Structures are given as C-alpha cells and as structure tokens.
C-alpha cells in the first residue's frame, strides 16, 4: 500500500475504525483505535476538530491562522501538515475519497 501524503489540497477524514471524541471520564479529547488510545494535546485537538471529510488542509490552516493571528500562517501550515501526516501514517486519517 502506498503512503498517503498530506498536502494543502488534501481533504481528510478519520479512518472508519477511529473514534475522536470527548471522554467524560478522562475529561479530555481522545482518539480511540482498536487496542489503542491516544491522548492528543490541546493544539492537536483544535486541528482535529476541523477534520470533517469536507474541509481541505489549506482551509484548516486558514481557520487556525485567523484564530491565532500571532503565529505566521506558514509556521501553522508546517505544524498542521506534520501532525496530520503523522496521524495518517498511523492509519488514523485517510483521504476523504479513500
């Protein structure tokens, strides 16, 4: 299987076996995968809340850049793409058309 490469034009969704939700017991956002639990940090949560299978990475970056106008857009784009690529490599995210 070829590696999915996240780019500005990528539209991502959570893989079918992945659940991203707020866990009442832990009082924090979690990513549930078969036999795995991930605890994303606050920045990752803000990014992952925007992953909806319709919005492209570039639009996610634009939204975050507008919200956090102290950080340069290119730095936000680099951080967002790196984090999303890491989750795609772990099988948590897929291209919306996959």
Protein backbone atom coordinates (compact mmCIF):
# COMPACT_ATOMS: atom_id res chain seq x y z
CA UNK A 1 0.00 0.00 0.00
CA UNK A 2 1.30 3.43 -0.95
CA UNK A 3 1.78 6.06 1.71
CA UNK A 4 -0.88 8.77 1.70
CA UNK A 5 0.89 12.12 1.59
CA UNK A 6 -0.90 15.04 3.26
CA UNK A 7 -0.77 18.27 1.24
CA UNK A 8 -2.55 21.64 1.24
CA UNK A 9 -5.22 20.23 -1.05
CA UNK A 10 -5.83 17.05 0.98
CA UNK A 11 -9.32 16.56 2.36
CA UNK A 12 -9.06 14.25 5.35
CA UNK A 13 -11.44 12.19 7.40
CA UNK A 14 -10.95 9.82 10.28
CA UNK A 15 -10.40 6.23 9.21
CA UNK A 16 -13.53 4.07 9.71
CA UNK A 17 -12.03 2.31 12.73
CA UNK A 18 -11.08 5.56 14.51
CA UNK A 19 -13.21 7.47 17.00
CA UNK A 20 -12.33 11.04 18.00
CA UNK A 21 -14.47 12.23 20.89
CA UNK A 22 -14.56 13.94 24.25
CA UNK A 23 -14.24 11.37 27.01
CA UNK A 24 -16.32 12.30 30.06
CA UNK A 25 -14.36 10.00 32.41
CA UNK A 26 -10.99 11.50 31.48
CA UNK A 27 -12.42 14.99 30.86
CA UNK A 28 -10.39 15.32 27.69
CA UNK A 29 -10.46 14.55 23.97
CA UNK A 30 -9.29 11.10 22.92
CA UNK A 31 -8.58 9.15 19.76
CA UNK A 32 -9.75 5.56 20.05
CA UNK A 33 -8.34 2.92 17.74
CA UNK A 34 -8.56 -0.84 18.03
CA UNK A 35 -6.50 -1.75 21.09
CA UNK A 36 -5.09 1.79 21.25
CA UNK A 37 -5.92 5.03 22.99
CA UNK A 38 -4.24 8.31 22.07
CA UNK A 39 -4.43 11.49 24.10
CA UNK A 40 -3.87 14.43 21.73
CA UNK A 41 -2.57 17.69 23.16
CA UNK A 42 -4.64 20.90 23.06
CA UNK A 43 -3.19 22.06 19.74
CA UNK A 44 -3.88 18.69 18.10
CA UNK A 45 -7.45 18.74 19.39
CA UNK A 46 -8.08 22.15 17.82
CA UNK A 47 -6.80 20.82 14.49
CA UNK A 48 -8.68 17.52 14.70
CA UNK A 49 -11.97 19.27 15.45
CA UNK A 50 -11.69 20.75 11.94
CA UNK A 51 -11.16 17.38 10.21
CA UNK A 52 -14.60 16.63 8.77
CA UNK A 53 -14.10 14.90 5.42
CA UNK A 54 -15.09 18.09 3.59
CA UNK A 55 -12.55 20.75 4.56
CA UNK A 56 -9.14 20.81 2.91
CA UNK A 57 -5.90 21.15 4.86
CA UNK A 58 -5.39 24.65 3.42
CA UNK A 59 -8.80 25.77 4.77
CA UNK A 60 -7.99 24.21 8.16
CA UNK A 61 -4.74 26.18 8.24
CA UNK A 62 -6.59 29.38 7.21
CA UNK A 63 -9.09 28.87 10.03
CA UNK A 64 -6.34 28.36 12.60
CA UNK A 65 -4.31 31.29 11.25
CA UNK A 66 -7.37 33.55 11.64
CA UNK A 67 -7.94 32.29 15.18
CA UNK A 68 -4.31 32.54 16.25
CA UNK A 69 -3.15 35.60 14.36
CA UNK A 70 0.07 35.90 16.40
CA UNK A 71 1.59 32.91 14.58
CA UNK A 72 2.66 33.14 10.93
CA UNK A 73 0.48 31.13 8.53
CA UNK A 74 3.49 29.24 7.09
CA UNK A 75 4.51 28.05 10.57
CA UNK A 76 0.94 26.96 11.32
CA UNK A 77 0.79 25.17 7.94
CA UNK A 78 4.03 23.30 8.66
CA UNK A 79 2.90 22.21 12.14
CA UNK A 80 -0.59 21.19 10.97
CA UNK A 81 0.70 19.21 7.99
CA UNK A 82 3.32 17.45 10.12
CA UNK A 83 0.77 16.43 12.75
CA UNK A 84 -1.82 15.30 10.19
CA UNK A 85 0.84 13.34 8.28
CA UNK A 86 1.87 11.57 11.50
CA UNK A 87 -1.74 10.52 12.14
CA UNK A 88 -2.19 9.47 8.51
CA UNK A 89 0.97 7.35 8.77
CA UNK A 90 -0.51 5.69 11.88
CA UNK A 91 -3.69 4.87 9.94
CA UNK A 92 -5.88 7.29 11.90
CA UNK A 93 -6.62 9.61 8.98
CA UNK A 94 -7.35 8.93 5.34
CA UNK A 95 -8.08 10.97 2.27
CA UNK A 96 -11.81 11.64 2.14
CA UNK A 97 -12.01 9.83 -1.21
CA UNK A 98 -10.20 6.69 0.05
